[in-house]
Amino acid sequence: MKSIEELRRLREEVRQMTKLREGSPEIKIIVGMGTCGIAAGARETLNTFVQEVAEQSIEGVSVTQSGCVGLCDREPIVEVQHGAERTIYARVTPERARRIVTEHIKGGRTIAEWITRN
């Protein structure tokens, strides 16, 4: 059985995670969650983005999902939107997601070797 303090801490964690999926942020991270994306590991990738943004207390970022983007052979696909700038990354594993948060979201540098072209 959980203590009241543990339940409060859990409630706050859930609120923070929910906050990442709402609002009108400066930066959006959109993970393709069509059937092919999920089969390729997109659920774990999405969860990693949510965890990293929350753990690093990065403000102005939301993590959301979309349906199929039509690039099945490059799944999991992740789009990072920062204003009018859109960057689409291919084959984003949880490890790559951590690096995208550190280098692109926090550092402002895209990772050219993972960018996909339509």
C-alpha atoms as a PDB file:
ATOM      1  CA  MET A   1       0.000   0.000   0.000  1.00  0.00           C
ATOM      2  CA  LYS A   2       1.313   3.439  -0.935  1.00  0.00           C
ATOM      3  CA  SER A   3       1.637   6.276   1.533  1.00  0.00           C
ATOM      4  CA  ILE A   4      -0.111   9.615   1.037  1.00  0.00           C
ATOM      5  CA  GLU A   5       3.237  11.219   0.146  1.00  0.00           C
ATOM      6  CA  GLU A   6       3.943   8.554  -2.493  1.00  0.00           C
ATOM      7  CA  LEU A   7       0.496   9.108  -4.003  1.00  0.00           C
ATOM      8  CA  ARG A   8       1.039  12.889  -4.091  1.00  0.00           C
ATOM      9  CA  ARG A   9       4.400  12.428  -5.786  1.00  0.00           C
ATOM     10  CA  LEU A  10       2.846  10.052  -8.336  1.00  0.00           C
ATOM     11  CA  ARG A  11       0.011  12.538  -8.993  1.00  0.00           C
ATOM     12  CA  GLU A  12       2.544  15.331  -9.622  1.00  0.00           C
ATOM     13  CA  GLU A  13       4.538  13.112 -12.001  1.00  0.00           C
ATOM     14  CA  VAL A  14       1.376  12.314 -13.978  1.00  0.00           C
ATOM     15  CA  ARG A  15       0.471  16.024 -14.108  1.00  0.00           C
ATOM     16  CA  GLN A  16       3.914  16.874 -15.467  1.00  0.00           C
ATOM     17  CA  MET A  17       3.672  14.133 -18.117  1.00  0.00           C
ATOM     18  CA  THR A  18       0.193  15.327 -19.127  1.00  0.00           C
ATOM     19  CA  LYS A  19       1.434  18.911 -19.368  1.00  0.00           C
ATOM     20  CA  LEU A  20       3.935  17.777 -22.031  1.00  0.00           C
ATOM     21  CA  ARG A  21       1.070  16.676 -24.252  1.00  0.00           C
ATOM     22  CA  GLU A  22      -1.027  19.841 -24.069  1.00  0.00           C
ATOM     23  CA  GLY A  23      -0.888  23.563 -24.753  1.00  0.00           C
ATOM     24  CA  SER A  24       0.749  25.561 -27.518  1.00  0.00           C
ATOM     25  CA  PRO A  25       4.465  24.997 -27.050  1.00  0.00           C
ATOM     26  CA  GLU A  26       7.405  26.617 -28.766  1.00  0.00           C
ATOM     27  CA  ILE A  27       8.698  23.184 -29.856  1.00  0.00           C
ATOM     28  CA  LYS A  28       6.613  20.139 -30.766  1.00  0.00           C
ATOM     29  CA  ILE A  29       7.954  16.600 -30.925  1.00  0.00           C
ATOM     30  CA  ILE A  30       5.562  14.438 -32.953  1.00  0.00           C
ATOM     31  CA  VAL A  31       6.048  10.672 -33.023  1.00  0.00           C
ATOM     32  CA  GLY A  32       4.413   8.661 -35.829  1.00  0.00           C
ATOM     33  CA  MET A  33       2.247   6.039 -34.125  1.00  0.00           C
ATOM     34  CA  GLY A  34       0.685   4.223 -37.051  1.00  0.00           C
ATOM     35  CA  THR A  35       0.705   0.438 -36.972  1.00  0.00           C
ATOM     36  CA  CYS A  36       4.080   0.246 -38.704  1.00  0.00           C
ATOM     37  CA  GLY A  37       5.565   2.817 -36.322  1.00  0.00           C
ATOM     38  CA  ILE A  38       4.328   0.952 -33.265  1.00  0.00           C
ATOM     39  CA  ALA A  39       5.696  -2.316 -34.656  1.00  0.00           C
ATOM     40  CA  ALA A  40       9.073  -0.618 -35.168  1.00  0.00           C
ATOM     41  CA  GLY A  41       9.203   0.636 -31.551  1.00  0.00           C
ATOM     42  CA  ALA A  42       7.520   4.061 -31.678  1.00  0.00           C
ATOM     43  CA  ARG A  43       5.784   3.571 -28.320  1.00  0.00           C
ATOM     44  CA  GLU A  44       9.130   3.216 -26.531  1.00  0.00           C
ATOM     45  CA  THR A  45      10.488   6.175 -28.497  1.00  0.00           C
ATOM     46  CA  LEU A  46       7.525   8.366 -27.509  1.00  0.00           C
ATOM     47  CA  ASN A  47       7.870   7.355 -23.850  1.00  0.00           C
ATOM     48  CA  THR A  48      11.581   8.172 -23.939  1.00  0.00           C
ATOM     49  CA  PHE A  49      10.900  11.669 -25.316  1.00  0.00           C
ATOM     50  CA  VAL A  50       8.322  12.297 -22.576  1.00  0.00           C
ATOM     51  CA  GLN A  51      10.699  11.069 -19.868  1.00  0.00           C
ATOM     52  CA  GLU A  52      13.711  13.027 -21.129  1.00  0.00           C
ATOM     53  CA  VAL A  53      11.837  16.311 -21.506  1.00  0.00           C
ATOM     54  CA  ALA A  54      10.330  15.889 -18.032  1.00  0.00           C
ATOM     55  CA  GLU A  55      13.551  14.765 -16.331  1.00  0.00           C
ATOM     56  CA  GLN A  56      15.522  17.626 -17.874  1.00  0.00           C
ATOM     57  CA  SER A  57      12.715  20.095 -16.980  1.00  0.00           C
ATOM     58  CA  ILE A  58      12.647  21.551 -20.491  1.00  0.00           C
ATOM     59  CA  GLU A  59       9.962  24.230 -20.804  1.00  0.00           C
ATOM     60  CA  GLY A  60       7.992  25.067 -23.960  1.00  0.00           C
ATOM     61  CA  VAL A  61       8.082  21.549 -25.441  1.00  0.00           C
ATOM     62  CA  SER A  62       5.204  19.171 -26.079  1.00  0.00           C
ATOM     63  CA  VAL A  63       5.389  15.530 -27.077  1.00  0.00           C
ATOM     64  CA  THR A  64       2.469  14.276 -29.162  1.00  0.00           C
ATOM     65  CA  GLN A  65       1.684  11.561 -31.637  1.00  0.00           C
ATOM     66  CA  SER A  66       0.339  11.306 -35.152  1.00  0.00           C
ATOM     67  CA  GLY A  67      -0.916   8.518 -37.337  1.00  0.00           C
ATOM     68  CA  CYS A  68       0.965   6.952 -40.223  1.00  0.00           C
ATOM     69  CA  VAL A  69       3.248   9.304 -42.149  1.00  0.00           C
ATOM     70  CA  GLY A  70       3.698   6.922 -45.079  1.00  0.00           C
ATOM     71  CA  LEU A  71       7.411   6.239 -44.606  1.00  0.00           C
ATOM     72  CA  CYS A  72       7.031   2.724 -43.217  1.00  0.00           C
ATOM     73  CA  ASP A  73      10.560   1.613 -44.038  1.00  0.00           C
ATOM     74  CA  ARG A  74      11.966   4.494 -41.944  1.00  0.00           C
ATOM     75  CA  GLU A  75       9.877   4.065 -38.787  1.00  0.00           C
ATOM     76  CA  PRO A  76       9.868   5.178 -36.047  1.00  0.00           C
ATOM     77  CA  ILE A  77       9.529   8.641 -37.623  1.00  0.00           C
ATOM     78  CA  VAL A  78       9.776  11.747 -35.428  1.00  0.00           C
ATOM     79  CA  GLU A  79       9.064  15.310 -36.505  1.00  0.00           C
ATOM     80  CA  VAL A  80      10.473  18.219 -34.524  1.00  0.00           C
ATOM     81  CA  GLN A  81       8.634  21.497 -35.175  1.00  0.00           C
ATOM     82  CA  HIS A  82      10.191  24.731 -34.002  1.00  0.00           C
ATOM     83  CA  GLY A  83       8.157  27.594 -35.427  1.00  0.00           C
ATOM     84  CA  ALA A  84       8.152  27.234 -39.216  1.00  0.00           C
ATOM     85  CA  GLU A  85      11.171  24.895 -39.120  1.00  0.00           C
ATOM     86  CA  ARG A  86      10.375  21.193 -39.457  1.00  0.00           C
ATOM     87  CA  THR A  87      12.916  18.408 -39.095  1.00  0.00           C
ATOM     88  CA  ILE A  88      11.950  14.797 -39.734  1.00  0.00           C
ATOM     89  CA  TYR A  89      14.130  12.091 -38.198  1.00  0.00           C
ATOM     90  CA  ALA A  90      14.035   8.433 -39.275  1.00  0.00           C
ATOM     91  CA  ARG A  91      14.572   5.216 -37.327  1.00  0.00           C
ATOM     92  CA  VAL A  92      14.413   6.961 -33.964  1.00  0.00           C
ATOM     93  CA  THR A  93      15.234   4.522 -31.183  1.00  0.00           C
ATOM     94  CA  PRO A  94      15.051   5.471 -27.496  1.00  0.00           C
ATOM     95  CA  GLU A  95      18.820   6.097 -27.578  1.00  0.00           C
ATOM     96  CA  ARG A  96      18.434   8.433 -30.548  1.00  0.00           C
ATOM     97  CA  ALA A  97      15.507  10.141 -28.822  1.00  0.00           C
ATOM     98  CA  ARG A  98      17.757  10.997 -25.859  1.00  0.00           C
ATOM     99  CA  ARG A  99      20.357  12.463 -28.199  1.00  0.00           C
ATOM    100  CA  ILE A 100      17.718  14.462 -30.121  1.00  0.00           C
ATOM    101  CA  VAL A 101      16.542  15.997 -26.841  1.00  0.00           C
ATOM    102  CA  THR A 102      20.091  16.892 -25.807  1.00  0.00           C
ATOM    103  CA  GLU A 103      21.473  18.088 -29.145  1.00  0.00           C
ATOM    104  CA  HIS A 104      18.465  19.370 -31.075  1.00  0.00           C
ATOM    105  CA  ILE A 105      15.893  20.420 -28.474  1.00  0.00           C
ATOM    106  CA  LYS A 106      18.320  21.800 -25.891  1.00  0.00           C
ATOM    107  CA  GLY A 107      21.350  22.530 -28.079  1.00  0.00           C
ATOM    108  CA  GLY A 108      19.612  23.770 -31.236  1.00  0.00           C
ATOM    109  CA  ARG A 109      21.688  21.524 -33.522  1.00  0.00           C
ATOM    110  CA  THR A 110      20.006  19.057 -35.863  1.00  0.00           C
ATOM    111  CA  ILE A 111      21.542  15.613 -36.303  1.00  0.00           C
ATOM    112  CA  ALA A 112      21.996  15.552 -40.074  1.00  0.00           C
ATOM    113  CA  GLU A 113      22.706  11.839 -40.479  1.00  0.00           C
ATOM    114  CA  TRP A 114      19.267  10.913 -39.082  1.00  0.00           C
ATOM    115  CA  ILE A 115      17.213  13.412 -41.105  1.00  0.00           C
ATOM    116  CA  THR A 116      15.028  11.828 -43.752  1.00  0.00           C
ATOM    117  CA  ARG A 117      13.905  13.320 -47.046  1.00  0.00           C
ATOM    118  CA  ASN A 118      10.557  12.403 -48.611  1.00  0.00           C
END
